[in-house]
Every structure is written in structure tokens, then in C-alpha cells.
Amino acid sequence: ARTVGLMVLGDLTVHAWDLARATGGDFVPERSVLDEVGPGLAAMAPQAREMKVFGEPFPVPEGATAFERLLAVTGRDPGWTPGGTAGATGT
């Protein structure tokens, strides 16, 4: 049950960022959410990539925030904007 809960919370967290960014906004989850979701998504990432659910990890700088690292593990560019001014198109 915990794994399914982490998958759902991770999905909601990442897609909330997707929607916020796509509409010109921003979204940063609570630290407690990141503490729960981050390690779980990182552990599931290899299998998610095999299933084509996640893209390849996006490179982030050493000083990246926990949320930037979480987005990157799913294949997203944390700097993505709708105008396409970041380093990659994201997923």
C-alpha cells in the first residue's frame, strides 16, 4: 500500500509542476512531500524508464534543490518554460 501511495503522491506532485509551468506559474511542494516522494521515485526510476514512463535523467547542477533533483530523475528539465528557453524540452 505504501508503494502505491508514493506512486500516486509522486504522480500528483510532478504533474502539478507540469501544469503550473505550462501555464506560466510555479509549483514547489512542501518539504515533507519531497522527503516522502523523492527516495521512492528515485528507487522506482530505473523500472519507470524501462516502461517508458520516465525519460532519461536530466542533468542538474550540484547545488540543485531536492525538487529539482526529483524532477530530473523523471526526465524533466527543472528549468523548462513554455517558451522553450531552458536547456531541453522536458517530458
PDB file of N, CA and C in Angstrom:
ATOM      1  N   ALA A   1       0.829  -1.190   0.000  1.00  0.00           N
ATOM      2  CA  ALA A   1       0.000   0.000   0.000  1.00  0.00           C
ATOM      3  C   ALA A   1       0.878   1.261   0.000  1.00  0.00           C
ATOM      4  N   ARG A   2       1.983   1.207   0.741  1.00  0.00           N
ATOM      5  CA  ARG A   2       2.859   2.381   0.804  1.00  0.00           C
ATOM      6  C   ARG A   2       3.439   2.706  -0.569  1.00  0.00           C
ATOM      7  N   THR A   3       3.844   1.688  -1.309  1.00  0.00           N
ATOM      8  CA  THR A   3       4.426   1.916  -2.636  1.00  0.00           C
ATOM      9  C   THR A   3       3.413   2.576  -3.557  1.00  0.00           C
ATOM     10  N   VAL A   4       2.186   2.094  -3.534  1.00  0.00           N
ATOM     11  CA  VAL A   4       1.137   2.685  -4.373  1.00  0.00           C
ATOM     12  C   VAL A   4       0.882   4.127  -3.941  1.00  0.00           C
ATOM     13  N   GLY A   5       0.849   4.364  -2.651  1.00  0.00           N
ATOM     14  CA  GLY A   5       0.661   5.726  -2.156  1.00  0.00           C
ATOM     15  C   GLY A   5       1.763   6.663  -2.616  1.00  0.00           C
ATOM     16  N   LEU A   6       3.006   6.190  -2.572  1.00  0.00           N
ATOM     17  CA  LEU A   6       4.129   7.010  -3.042  1.00  0.00           C
ATOM     18  C   LEU A   6       4.040   7.272  -4.539  1.00  0.00           C
ATOM     19  N   MET A   7       3.595   6.267  -5.291  1.00  0.00           N
ATOM     20  CA  MET A   7       3.447   6.449  -6.736  1.00  0.00           C
ATOM     21  C   MET A   7       2.400   7.525  -7.035  1.00  0.00           C
ATOM     22  N   VAL A   8       1.278   7.462  -6.330  1.00  0.00           N
ATOM     23  CA  VAL A   8       0.201   8.435  -6.556  1.00  0.00           C
ATOM     24  C   VAL A   8       0.643   9.827  -6.120  1.00  0.00           C
ATOM     25  N   LEU A   9       1.252   9.935  -4.948  1.00  0.00           N
ATOM     26  CA  LEU A   9       1.718  11.237  -4.475  1.00  0.00           C
ATOM     27  C   LEU A   9       2.787  11.800  -5.405  1.00  0.00           C
ATOM     28  N   GLY A  10       3.688  10.952  -5.872  1.00  0.00           N
ATOM     29  CA  GLY A  10       4.707  11.390  -6.824  1.00  0.00           C
ATOM     30  C   GLY A  10       4.089  11.872  -8.117  1.00  0.00           C
ATOM     31  N   ASP A  11       3.116  11.128  -8.616  1.00  0.00           N
ATOM     32  CA  ASP A  11       2.438  11.497  -9.854  1.00  0.00           C
ATOM     33  C   ASP A  11       1.746  12.853  -9.707  1.00  0.00           C
ATOM     34  N   LEU A  12       1.021  13.035  -8.623  1.00  0.00           N
ATOM     35  CA  LEU A  12       0.335  14.309  -8.396  1.00  0.00           C
ATOM     36  C   LEU A  12       1.325  15.459  -8.250  1.00  0.00           C
ATOM     37  N   THR A  13       2.416  15.214  -7.558  1.00  0.00           N
ATOM     38  CA  THR A  13       3.422  16.253  -7.337  1.00  0.00           C
ATOM     39  C   THR A  13       4.068  16.689  -8.639  1.00  0.00           C
ATOM     40  N   VAL A  14       4.502  15.725  -9.434  1.00  0.00           N
ATOM     41  CA  VAL A  14       5.189  16.048 -10.692  1.00  0.00           C
ATOM     42  C   VAL A  14       4.228  16.690 -11.687  1.00  0.00           C
ATOM     43  N   HIS A  15       3.006  16.168 -11.779  1.00  0.00           N
ATOM     44  CA  HIS A  15       2.059  16.736 -12.740  1.00  0.00           C
ATOM     45  C   HIS A  15       1.532  18.100 -12.293  1.00  0.00           C
ATOM     46  N   ALA A  16       1.498  18.359 -10.991  1.00  0.00           N
ATOM     47  CA  ALA A  16       1.150  19.708 -10.530  1.00  0.00           C
ATOM     48  C   ALA A  16       2.190  20.702 -11.036  1.00  0.00           C
ATOM     49  N   TRP A  17       3.468  20.305 -10.992  1.00  0.00           N
ATOM     50  CA  TRP A  17       4.531  21.162 -11.533  1.00  0.00           C
ATOM     51  C   TRP A  17       4.368  21.317 -13.041  1.00  0.00           C
ATOM     52  N   ASP A  18       4.082  20.206 -13.748  1.00  0.00           N
ATOM     53  CA  ASP A  18       3.876  20.266 -15.200  1.00  0.00           C
ATOM     54  C   ASP A  18       2.810  21.303 -15.548  1.00  0.00           C
ATOM     55  N   LEU A  19       1.666  21.214 -14.885  1.00  0.00           N
ATOM     56  CA  LEU A  19       0.561  22.132 -15.178  1.00  0.00           C
ATOM     57  C   LEU A  19       0.905  23.571 -14.816  1.00  0.00           C
ATOM     58  N   ALA A  20       1.528  23.749 -13.661  1.00  0.00           N
ATOM     59  CA  ALA A  20       1.903  25.103 -13.251  1.00  0.00           C
ATOM     60  C   ALA A  20       2.860  25.720 -14.259  1.00  0.00           C
ATOM     61  N   ARG A  21       3.890  25.000 -14.631  1.00  0.00           N
ATOM     62  CA  ARG A  21       4.871  25.523 -15.583  1.00  0.00           C
ATOM     63  C   ARG A  21       4.257  25.793 -16.948  1.00  0.00           C
ATOM     64  N   ALA A  22       3.420  24.888 -17.420  1.00  0.00           N
ATOM     65  CA  ALA A  22       2.814  25.034 -18.745  1.00  0.00           C
ATOM     66  C   ALA A  22       1.912  26.255 -18.826  1.00  0.00           C
ATOM     67  N   THR A  23       1.413  26.700 -17.680  1.00  0.00           N
ATOM     68  CA  THR A  23       0.534  27.864 -17.663  1.00  0.00           C
ATOM     69  C   THR A  23       1.244  29.112 -17.144  1.00  0.00           C
ATOM     70  N   GLY A  24       2.566  29.050 -17.077  1.00  0.00           N
ATOM     71  CA  GLY A  24       3.350  30.211 -16.671  1.00  0.00           C
ATOM     72  C   GLY A  24       3.491  30.387 -15.176  1.00  0.00           C
ATOM     73  N   GLY A  25       3.055  29.411 -14.401  1.00  0.00           N
ATOM     74  CA  GLY A  25       3.149  29.504 -12.952  1.00  0.00           C
ATOM     75  C   GLY A  25       4.321  28.714 -12.410  1.00  0.00           C
ATOM     76  N   ASP A  26       4.308  28.534 -11.117  1.00  0.00           N
ATOM     77  CA  ASP A  26       5.341  27.748 -10.466  1.00  0.00           C
ATOM     78  C   ASP A  26       4.678  26.906  -9.389  1.00  0.00           C
ATOM     79  N   PHE A  27       5.300  25.825  -9.046  1.00  0.00           N
ATOM     80  CA  PHE A  27       4.797  24.940  -8.003  1.00  0.00           C
ATOM     81  C   PHE A  27       5.991  24.365  -7.274  1.00  0.00           C
ATOM     82  N   VAL A  28       5.981  24.486  -5.962  1.00  0.00           N
ATOM     83  CA  VAL A  28       7.013  23.871  -5.129  1.00  0.00           C
ATOM     84  C   VAL A  28       6.285  23.155  -3.992  1.00  0.00           C
ATOM     85  N   PRO A  29       6.420  21.842  -3.925  1.00  0.00           N
ATOM     86  CA  PRO A  29       5.724  21.093  -2.875  1.00  0.00           C
ATOM     87  C   PRO A  29       6.350  21.326  -1.502  1.00  0.00           C
ATOM     88  N   GLU A  30       5.602  20.976  -0.491  1.00  0.00           N
ATOM     89  CA  GLU A  30       6.100  21.042   0.878  1.00  0.00           C
ATOM     90  C   GLU A  30       7.305  20.114   1.028  1.00  0.00           C
ATOM     91  N   ARG A  31       8.212  20.489   1.899  1.00  0.00           N
ATOM     92  CA  ARG A  31       9.414  19.685   2.138  1.00  0.00           C
ATOM     93  C   ARG A  31       9.051  18.262   2.582  1.00  0.00           C
ATOM     94  N   SER A  32       8.006  18.129   3.384  1.00  0.00           N
ATOM     95  CA  SER A  32       7.607  16.798   3.857  1.00  0.00           C
ATOM     96  C   SER A  32       7.184  15.895   2.696  1.00  0.00           C
ATOM     97  N   VAL A  33       6.582  16.479   1.659  1.00  0.00           N
ATOM     98  CA  VAL A  33       6.209  15.703   0.467  1.00  0.00           C
ATOM     99  C   VAL A  33       7.472  15.228  -0.239  1.00  0.00           C
ATOM    100  N   LEU A  34       8.429  16.132  -0.397  1.00  0.00           N
ATOM    101  CA  LEU A  34       9.688  15.762  -1.052  1.00  0.00           C
ATOM    102  C   LEU A  34      10.428  14.678  -0.278  1.00  0.00           C
ATOM    103  N   ASP A  35      10.402  14.783   1.043  1.00  0.00           N
ATOM    104  CA  ASP A  35      11.078  13.780   1.873  1.00  0.00           C
ATOM    105  C   ASP A  35      10.470  12.391   1.683  1.00  0.00           C
ATOM    106  N   GLU A  36       9.169  12.329   1.455  1.00  0.00           N
ATOM    107  CA  GLU A  36       8.494  11.046   1.233  1.00  0.00           C
ATOM    108  C   GLU A  36       8.658  10.552  -0.199  1.00  0.00           C
ATOM    109  N   VAL A  37       8.443  11.446  -1.153  1.00  0.00           N
ATOM    110  CA  VAL A  37       8.379  11.057  -2.563  1.00  0.00           C
ATOM    111  C   VAL A  37       9.754  10.890  -3.203  1.00  0.00           C
ATOM    112  N   GLY A  38      10.692  11.751  -2.864  1.00  0.00           N
ATOM    113  CA  GLY A  38      11.998  11.745  -3.520  1.00  0.00           C
ATOM    114  C   GLY A  38      12.689  10.393  -3.536  1.00  0.00           C
ATOM    115  N   PRO A  39      12.926   9.786  -2.384  1.00  0.00           N
ATOM    116  CA  PRO A  39      13.603   8.484  -2.377  1.00  0.00           C
ATOM    117  C   PRO A  39      12.804   7.390  -3.091  1.00  0.00           C
ATOM    118  N   GLY A  40      11.486   7.435  -2.962  1.00  0.00           N
ATOM    119  CA  GLY A  40      10.657   6.426  -3.616  1.00  0.00           C
ATOM    120  C   GLY A  40      10.722   6.512  -5.128  1.00  0.00           C
ATOM    121  N   LEU A  41      10.606   7.735  -5.666  1.00  0.00           N
ATOM    122  CA  LEU A  41      10.687   7.896  -7.121  1.00  0.00           C
ATOM    123  C   LEU A  41      12.077   7.547  -7.635  1.00  0.00           C
ATOM    124  N   ALA A  42      13.097   7.917  -6.882  1.00  0.00           N
ATOM    125  CA  ALA A  42      14.462   7.584  -7.302  1.00  0.00           C
ATOM    126  C   ALA A  42      14.642   6.068  -7.374  1.00  0.00           C
ATOM    127  N   ALA A  43      14.074   5.345  -6.414  1.00  0.00           N
ATOM    128  CA  ALA A  43      14.187   3.886  -6.411  1.00  0.00           C
ATOM    129  C   ALA A  43      13.394   3.252  -7.556  1.00  0.00           C
ATOM    130  N   MET A  44      12.253   3.853  -7.902  1.00  0.00           N
ATOM    131  CA  MET A  44      11.407   3.314  -8.973  1.00  0.00           C
ATOM    132  C   MET A  44      11.857   3.748 -10.365  1.00  0.00           C
ATOM    133  N   ALA A  45      12.737   4.734 -10.436  1.00  0.00           N
ATOM    134  CA  ALA A  45      13.103   5.344 -11.718  1.00  0.00           C
ATOM    135  C   ALA A  45      13.631   4.361 -12.766  1.00  0.00           C
ATOM    136  N   PRO A  46      14.539   3.446 -12.428  1.00  0.00           N
ATOM    137  CA  PRO A  46      15.024   2.531 -13.472  1.00  0.00           C
ATOM    138  C   PRO A  46      13.896   1.725 -14.129  1.00  0.00           C
ATOM    139  N   GLN A  47      12.999   1.201 -13.317  1.00  0.00           N
ATOM    140  CA  GLN A  47      11.883   0.438 -13.877  1.00  0.00           C
ATOM    141  C   GLN A  47      10.944   1.356 -14.658  1.00  0.00           C
ATOM    142  N   ALA A  48      10.713   2.563 -14.157  1.00  0.00           N
ATOM    143  CA  ALA A  48       9.846   3.510 -14.860  1.00  0.00           C
ATOM    144  C   ALA A  48      10.436   3.878 -16.222  1.00  0.00           C
ATOM    145  N   ARG A  49      11.758   3.980 -16.301  1.00  0.00           N
ATOM    146  CA  ARG A  49      12.399   4.260 -17.595  1.00  0.00           C
ATOM    147  C   ARG A  49      12.244   3.075 -18.548  1.00  0.00           C
ATOM    148  N   GLU A  50      12.396   1.866 -18.025  1.00  0.00           N
ATOM    149  CA  GLU A  50      12.202   0.672 -18.856  1.00  0.00           C
ATOM    150  C   GLU A  50      10.786   0.631 -19.428  1.00  0.00           C
ATOM    151  N   MET A  51       9.822   1.076 -18.641  1.00  0.00           N
ATOM    152  CA  MET A  51       8.424   1.075 -19.066  1.00  0.00           C
ATOM    153  C   MET A  51       8.075   2.312 -19.897  1.00  0.00           C
ATOM    154  N   LYS A  52       9.055   3.191 -20.107  1.00  0.00           N
ATOM    155  CA  LYS A  52       8.876   4.437 -20.869  1.00  0.00           C
ATOM    156  C   LYS A  52       7.941   5.423 -20.166  1.00  0.00           C
ATOM    157  N   VAL A  53       7.858   5.307 -18.830  1.00  0.00           N
ATOM    158  CA  VAL A  53       7.066   6.240 -18.041  1.00  0.00           C
ATOM    159  C   VAL A  53       7.900   7.475 -17.707  1.00  0.00           C
ATOM    160  N   PHE A  54       9.193   7.280 -17.442  1.00  0.00           N
ATOM    161  CA  PHE A  54      10.136   8.370 -17.195  1.00  0.00           C
ATOM    162  C   PHE A  54      11.083   8.456 -18.374  1.00  0.00           C
ATOM    163  N   GLY A  55      11.554   9.679 -18.630  1.00  0.00           N
ATOM    164  CA  GLY A  55      12.623   9.856 -19.596  1.00  0.00           C
ATOM    165  C   GLY A  55      13.965   9.596 -18.922  1.00  0.00           C
ATOM    166  N   GLU A  56      15.016   9.749 -19.684  1.00  0.00           N
ATOM    167  CA  GLU A  56      16.359   9.626 -19.108  1.00  0.00           C
ATOM    168  C   GLU A  56      16.563  10.754 -18.100  1.00  0.00           C
ATOM    169  N   PRO A  57      17.353  10.529 -17.057  1.00  0.00           N
ATOM    170  CA  PRO A  57      17.565  11.576 -16.057  1.00  0.00           C
ATOM    171  C   PRO A  57      18.120  12.841 -16.700  1.00  0.00           C
ATOM    172  N   PHE A  58      17.592  13.966 -16.273  1.00  0.00           N
ATOM    173  CA  PHE A  58      18.064  15.247 -16.781  1.00  0.00           C
ATOM    174  C   PHE A  58      19.205  15.714 -15.881  1.00  0.00           C
ATOM    175  N   PRO A  59      20.312  16.159 -16.454  1.00  0.00           N
ATOM    176  CA  PRO A  59      21.433  16.604 -15.611  1.00  0.00           C
ATOM    177  C   PRO A  59      21.103  17.905 -14.880  1.00  0.00           C
ATOM    178  N   VAL A  60      21.375  17.925 -13.598  1.00  0.00           N
ATOM    179  CA  VAL A  60      21.180  19.134 -12.800  1.00  0.00           C
ATOM    180  C   VAL A  60      22.488  19.466 -12.089  1.00  0.00           C
ATOM    181  N   PRO A  61      22.698  20.736 -11.782  1.00  0.00           N
ATOM    182  CA  PRO A  61      23.945  21.118 -11.110  1.00  0.00           C
ATOM    183  C   PRO A  61      24.019  20.573  -9.689  1.00  0.00           C
ATOM    184  N   GLU A  62      25.206  20.566  -9.158  1.00  0.00           N
ATOM    185  CA  GLU A  62      25.436  20.035  -7.819  1.00  0.00           C
ATOM    186  C   GLU A  62      24.583  20.723  -6.757  1.00  0.00           C
ATOM    187  N   GLY A  63      24.307  21.998  -6.906  1.00  0.00           N
ATOM    188  CA  GLY A  63      23.522  22.735  -5.917  1.00  0.00           C
ATOM    189  C   GLY A  63      22.022  22.672  -6.142  1.00  0.00           C
ATOM    190  N   ALA A  64      21.546  21.730  -6.954  1.00  0.00           N
ATOM    191  CA  ALA A  64      20.116  21.630  -7.262  1.00  0.00           C
ATOM    192  C   ALA A  64      19.313  21.349  -5.995  1.00  0.00           C
ATOM    193  N   THR A  65      18.095  21.874  -5.966  1.00  0.00           N
ATOM    194  CA  THR A  65      17.209  21.628  -4.827  1.00  0.00           C
ATOM    195  C   THR A  65      16.693  20.192  -4.873  1.00  0.00           C
ATOM    196  N   ALA A  66      16.103  19.768  -3.768  1.00  0.00           N
ATOM    197  CA  ALA A  66      15.523  18.420  -3.715  1.00  0.00           C
ATOM    198  C   ALA A  66      14.441  18.258  -4.780  1.00  0.00           C
ATOM    199  N   PHE A  67      13.639  19.290  -5.011  1.00  0.00           N
ATOM    200  CA  PHE A  67      12.584  19.190  -6.016  1.00  0.00           C
ATOM    201  C   PHE A  67      13.160  19.179  -7.428  1.00  0.00           C
ATOM    202  N   GLU A  68      14.194  19.961  -7.663  1.00  0.00           N
ATOM    203  CA  GLU A  68      14.851  19.921  -8.978  1.00  0.00           C
ATOM    204  C   GLU A  68      15.425  18.532  -9.249  1.00  0.00           C
ATOM    205  N   ARG A  69      15.995  17.916  -8.238  1.00  0.00           N
ATOM    206  CA  ARG A  69      16.528  16.556  -8.401  1.00  0.00           C
ATOM    207  C   ARG A  69      15.406  15.549  -8.654  1.00  0.00           C
ATOM    208  N   LEU A  70      14.276  15.729  -7.963  1.00  0.00           N
ATOM    209  CA  LEU A  70      13.138  14.844  -8.175  1.00  0.00           C
ATOM    210  C   LEU A  70      12.617  14.975  -9.608  1.00  0.00           C
ATOM    211  N   LEU A  71      12.461  16.204 -10.082  1.00  0.00           N
ATOM    212  CA  LEU A  71      12.008  16.410 -11.464  1.00  0.00           C
ATOM    213  C   LEU A  71      12.991  15.789 -12.447  1.00  0.00           C
ATOM    214  N   ALA A  72      14.265  15.983 -12.197  1.00  0.00           N
ATOM    215  CA  ALA A  72      15.302  15.480 -13.103  1.00  0.00           C
ATOM    216  C   ALA A  72      15.298  13.960 -13.185  1.00  0.00           C
ATOM    217  N   VAL A  73      15.024  13.286 -12.070  1.00  0.00           N
ATOM    218  CA  VAL A  73      15.026  11.822 -12.085  1.00  0.00           C
ATOM    219  C   VAL A  73      13.890  11.284 -12.961  1.00  0.00           C
ATOM    220  N   THR A  74      12.844  12.090 -13.168  1.00  0.00           N
ATOM    221  CA  THR A  74      11.735  11.669 -14.036  1.00  0.00           C
ATOM    222  C   THR A  74      11.995  12.022 -15.497  1.00  0.00           C
ATOM    223  N   GLY A  75      13.119  12.696 -15.755  1.00  0.00           N
ATOM    224  CA  GLY A  75      13.456  13.092 -17.122  1.00  0.00           C
ATOM    225  C   GLY A  75      13.051  14.509 -17.452  1.00  0.00           C
ATOM    226  N   ARG A  76      12.577  15.247 -16.465  1.00  0.00           N
ATOM    227  CA  ARG A  76      12.146  16.622 -16.699  1.00  0.00           C
ATOM    228  C   ARG A  76      13.295  17.599 -16.479  1.00  0.00           C
ATOM    229  N   ASP A  77      13.275  18.673 -17.260  1.00  0.00           N
ATOM    230  CA  ASP A  77      14.214  19.778 -17.088  1.00  0.00           C
ATOM    231  C   ASP A  77      13.589  20.742 -16.087  1.00  0.00           C
ATOM    232  N   PRO A  78      14.138  20.870 -14.879  1.00  0.00           N
ATOM    233  CA  PRO A  78      13.555  21.761 -13.881  1.00  0.00           C
ATOM    234  C   PRO A  78      13.481  23.222 -14.328  1.00  0.00           C
ATOM    235  N   GLY A  79      14.258  23.597 -15.314  1.00  0.00           N
ATOM    236  CA  GLY A  79      14.234  24.967 -15.811  1.00  0.00           C
ATOM    237  C   GLY A  79      13.314  25.176 -16.995  1.00  0.00           C
ATOM    238  N   TRP A  80      12.545  24.147 -17.370  1.00  0.00           N
ATOM    239  CA  TRP A  80      11.681  24.240 -18.545  1.00  0.00           C
ATOM    240  C   TRP A  80      10.672  25.370 -18.395  1.00  0.00           C
ATOM    241  N   THR A  81      10.444  26.069 -19.484  1.00  0.00           N
ATOM    242  CA  THR A  81       9.399  27.089 -19.546  1.00  0.00           C
ATOM    243  C   THR A  81       8.607  26.887 -20.831  1.00  0.00           C
ATOM    244  N   PRO A  82       7.372  27.378 -20.892  1.00  0.00           N
ATOM    245  CA  PRO A  82       6.572  27.194 -22.096  1.00  0.00           C
ATOM    246  C   PRO A  82       7.203  27.820 -23.336  1.00  0.00           C
ATOM    247  N   GLY A  83       8.023  28.834 -23.148  1.00  0.00           N
ATOM    248  CA  GLY A  83       8.690  29.474 -24.276  1.00  0.00           C
ATOM    249  C   GLY A  83       9.876  28.687 -24.791  1.00  0.00           C
ATOM    250  N   GLY A  84      10.230  27.614 -24.100  1.00  0.00           N
ATOM    251  CA  GLY A  84      11.332  26.765 -24.536  1.00  0.00           C
ATOM    252  C   GLY A  84      12.699  27.378 -24.333  1.00  0.00           C
ATOM    253  N   THR A  85      12.849  28.222 -23.310  1.00  0.00           N
ATOM    254  CA  THR A  85      14.126  28.896 -23.102  1.00  0.00           C
ATOM    255  C   THR A  85      15.093  28.101 -22.234  1.00  0.00           C
ATOM    256  N   ALA A  86      14.668  26.969 -21.694  1.00  0.00           N
ATOM    257  CA  ALA A  86      15.560  26.177 -20.843  1.00  0.00           C
ATOM    258  C   ALA A  86      16.433  25.273 -21.700  1.00  0.00           C
ATOM    259  N   GLY A  87      17.218  24.421 -21.033  1.00  0.00           N
ATOM    260  CA  GLY A  87      18.193  23.591 -21.726  1.00  0.00           C
ATOM    261  C   GLY A  87      17.622  22.481 -22.584  1.00  0.00           C
ATOM    262  N   ALA A  88      16.410  22.046 -22.308  1.00  0.00           N
ATOM    263  CA  ALA A  88      15.810  20.968 -23.097  1.00  0.00           C
ATOM    264  C   ALA A  88      14.298  21.114 -23.067  1.00  0.00           C
ATOM    265  N   THR A  89      13.635  20.344 -23.875  1.00  0.00           N
ATOM    266  CA  THR A  89      12.184  20.447 -23.967  1.00  0.00           C
ATOM    267  C   THR A  89      11.460  19.798 -22.808  1.00  0.00           C
ATOM    268  N   GLY A  90      12.102  18.927 -22.061  1.00  0.00           N
ATOM    269  CA  GLY A  90      11.446  18.234 -20.959  1.00  0.00           C
ATOM    270  C   GLY A  90      10.558  17.126 -21.475  1.00  0.00           C
ATOM    271  N   THR A  91       9.822  16.508 -20.551  1.00  0.00           N
ATOM    272  CA  THR A  91       8.912  15.428 -20.951  1.00  0.00           C
ATOM    273  C   THR A  91       7.540  15.685 -20.408  1.00  0.00           C
TER     274      THR A  91
END
